[in-house]
Amino acid sequence: MLPCQTGCAGYQDGCHKHCPVWGSLQARQKSQREAKKEYLRYHSARCAQTLRQLRAMQPHRLGW
């Protein structure tokens, strides 16, 4: 169900394909998704780097 289906007075079946309001909503959601992905990529890389540094500081077990 489309969010505009209940609140839009000019709703017709399939009208969302050409609706400027729907297009702007989709564009806004896409930019939010991309921002979240970029945030996760950045922080995943930082966490991985920190883990590598912490593991490198751990004493290594001697192999007998």
C-alpha atoms as a PDB file:
ATOM      1  CA  MET A   1       0.000   0.000   0.000  1.00  0.00           C
ATOM      2  CA  LEU A   2       1.347   3.384  -0.961  1.00  0.00           C
ATOM      3  CA  PRO A   3       1.476   6.026   1.781  1.00  0.00           C
ATOM      4  CA  CYS A   4      -0.262   8.562  -0.471  1.00  0.00           C
ATOM      5  CA  GLN A   5      -3.147   6.210  -1.231  1.00  0.00           C
ATOM      6  CA  THR A   6      -5.168   7.245   1.815  1.00  0.00           C
ATOM      7  CA  GLY A   7      -4.138  10.912   2.109  1.00  0.00           C
ATOM      8  CA  CYS A   8      -4.077  12.120  -1.494  1.00  0.00           C
ATOM      9  CA  ALA A   9      -7.298  13.534  -2.928  1.00  0.00           C
ATOM     10  CA  GLY A  10      -6.110  13.010  -6.498  1.00  0.00           C
ATOM     11  CA  TYR A  11      -4.999   9.404  -6.049  1.00  0.00           C
ATOM     12  CA  GLN A  12      -5.629   7.057  -8.947  1.00  0.00           C
ATOM     13  CA  ASP A  13      -4.265   3.610  -9.541  1.00  0.00           C
ATOM     14  CA  GLY A  14      -0.706   3.965 -10.877  1.00  0.00           C
ATOM     15  CA  CYS A  15      -0.491   7.745 -10.517  1.00  0.00           C
ATOM     16  CA  HIS A  16       2.538   7.491  -8.206  1.00  0.00           C
ATOM     17  CA  LYS A  17       4.732   6.730 -11.205  1.00  0.00           C
ATOM     18  CA  HIS A  18       4.479  10.334 -12.416  1.00  0.00           C
ATOM     19  CA  CYS A  19       3.704  12.141  -9.143  1.00  0.00           C
ATOM     20  CA  PRO A  20       6.329  14.786  -8.193  1.00  0.00           C
ATOM     21  CA  VAL A  21       5.585  14.403  -4.460  1.00  0.00           C
ATOM     22  CA  TRP A  22       6.166  10.659  -4.652  1.00  0.00           C
ATOM     23  CA  GLY A  23       9.346  11.207  -6.651  1.00  0.00           C
ATOM     24  CA  SER A  24      10.731  13.634  -4.082  1.00  0.00           C
ATOM     25  CA  LEU A  25       9.872  11.197  -1.278  1.00  0.00           C
ATOM     26  CA  GLN A  26      11.694   8.402  -3.090  1.00  0.00           C
ATOM     27  CA  ALA A  27      14.721  10.639  -3.741  1.00  0.00           C
ATOM     28  CA  ARG A  28      14.857  11.689  -0.080  1.00  0.00           C
ATOM     29  CA  GLN A  29      14.676   8.075   1.080  1.00  0.00           C
ATOM     30  CA  LYS A  30      17.397   7.087  -1.380  1.00  0.00           C
ATOM     31  CA  SER A  31      19.726   9.808  -0.102  1.00  0.00           C
ATOM     32  CA  GLN A  32      19.047   8.732   3.495  1.00  0.00           C
ATOM     33  CA  ARG A  33      19.849   5.109   2.626  1.00  0.00           C
ATOM     34  CA  GLU A  34      23.089   6.172   0.935  1.00  0.00           C
ATOM     35  CA  ALA A  35      24.058   8.302   3.942  1.00  0.00           C
ATOM     36  CA  LYS A  36      23.449   5.345   6.274  1.00  0.00           C
ATOM     37  CA  LYS A  37      25.518   3.050   4.060  1.00  0.00           C
ATOM     38  CA  GLU A  38      28.364   5.553   3.985  1.00  0.00           C
ATOM     39  CA  TYR A  39      28.195   5.892   7.792  1.00  0.00           C
ATOM     40  CA  LEU A  40      28.359   2.120   8.221  1.00  0.00           C
ATOM     41  CA  ARG A  41      31.216   1.760   5.712  1.00  0.00           C
ATOM     42  CA  TYR A  42      33.231   4.428   7.504  1.00  0.00           C
ATOM     43  CA  HIS A  43      32.694   3.040  10.981  1.00  0.00           C
ATOM     44  CA  SER A  44      33.184  -0.583   9.924  1.00  0.00           C
ATOM     45  CA  ALA A  45      36.593   0.344   8.533  1.00  0.00           C
ATOM     46  CA  ARG A  46      37.470   2.227  11.736  1.00  0.00           C
ATOM     47  CA  CYS A  47      36.411  -0.690  13.941  1.00  0.00           C
ATOM     48  CA  ALA A  48      38.347  -3.184  11.825  1.00  0.00           C
ATOM     49  CA  GLN A  49      41.445  -0.992  12.053  1.00  0.00           C
ATOM     50  CA  THR A  50      41.116  -0.724  15.837  1.00  0.00           C
ATOM     51  CA  LEU A  51      40.683  -4.489  16.172  1.00  0.00           C
ATOM     52  CA  ARG A  52      43.794  -5.128  14.069  1.00  0.00           C
ATOM     53  CA  GLN A  53      45.786  -2.716  16.238  1.00  0.00           C
ATOM     54  CA  LEU A  54      44.552  -4.299  19.469  1.00  0.00           C
ATOM     55  CA  ARG A  55      45.328  -7.804  18.233  1.00  0.00           C
ATOM     56  CA  ALA A  56      48.798  -6.701  17.210  1.00  0.00           C
ATOM     57  CA  MET A  57      49.416  -5.471  20.766  1.00  0.00           C
ATOM     58  CA  GLN A  58      48.465  -8.838  22.298  1.00  0.00           C
ATOM     59  CA  PRO A  59      51.370 -11.075  23.323  1.00  0.00           C
ATOM     60  CA  HIS A  60      51.789 -13.896  20.865  1.00  0.00           C
ATOM     61  CA  ARG A  61      51.837 -17.444  22.096  1.00  0.00           C
ATOM     62  CA  LEU A  62      55.156 -19.179  21.645  1.00  0.00           C
ATOM     63  CA  GLY A  63      54.990 -22.251  19.502  1.00  0.00           C
ATOM     64  CA  TRP A  64      56.831 -25.128  21.168  1.00  0.00           C
END
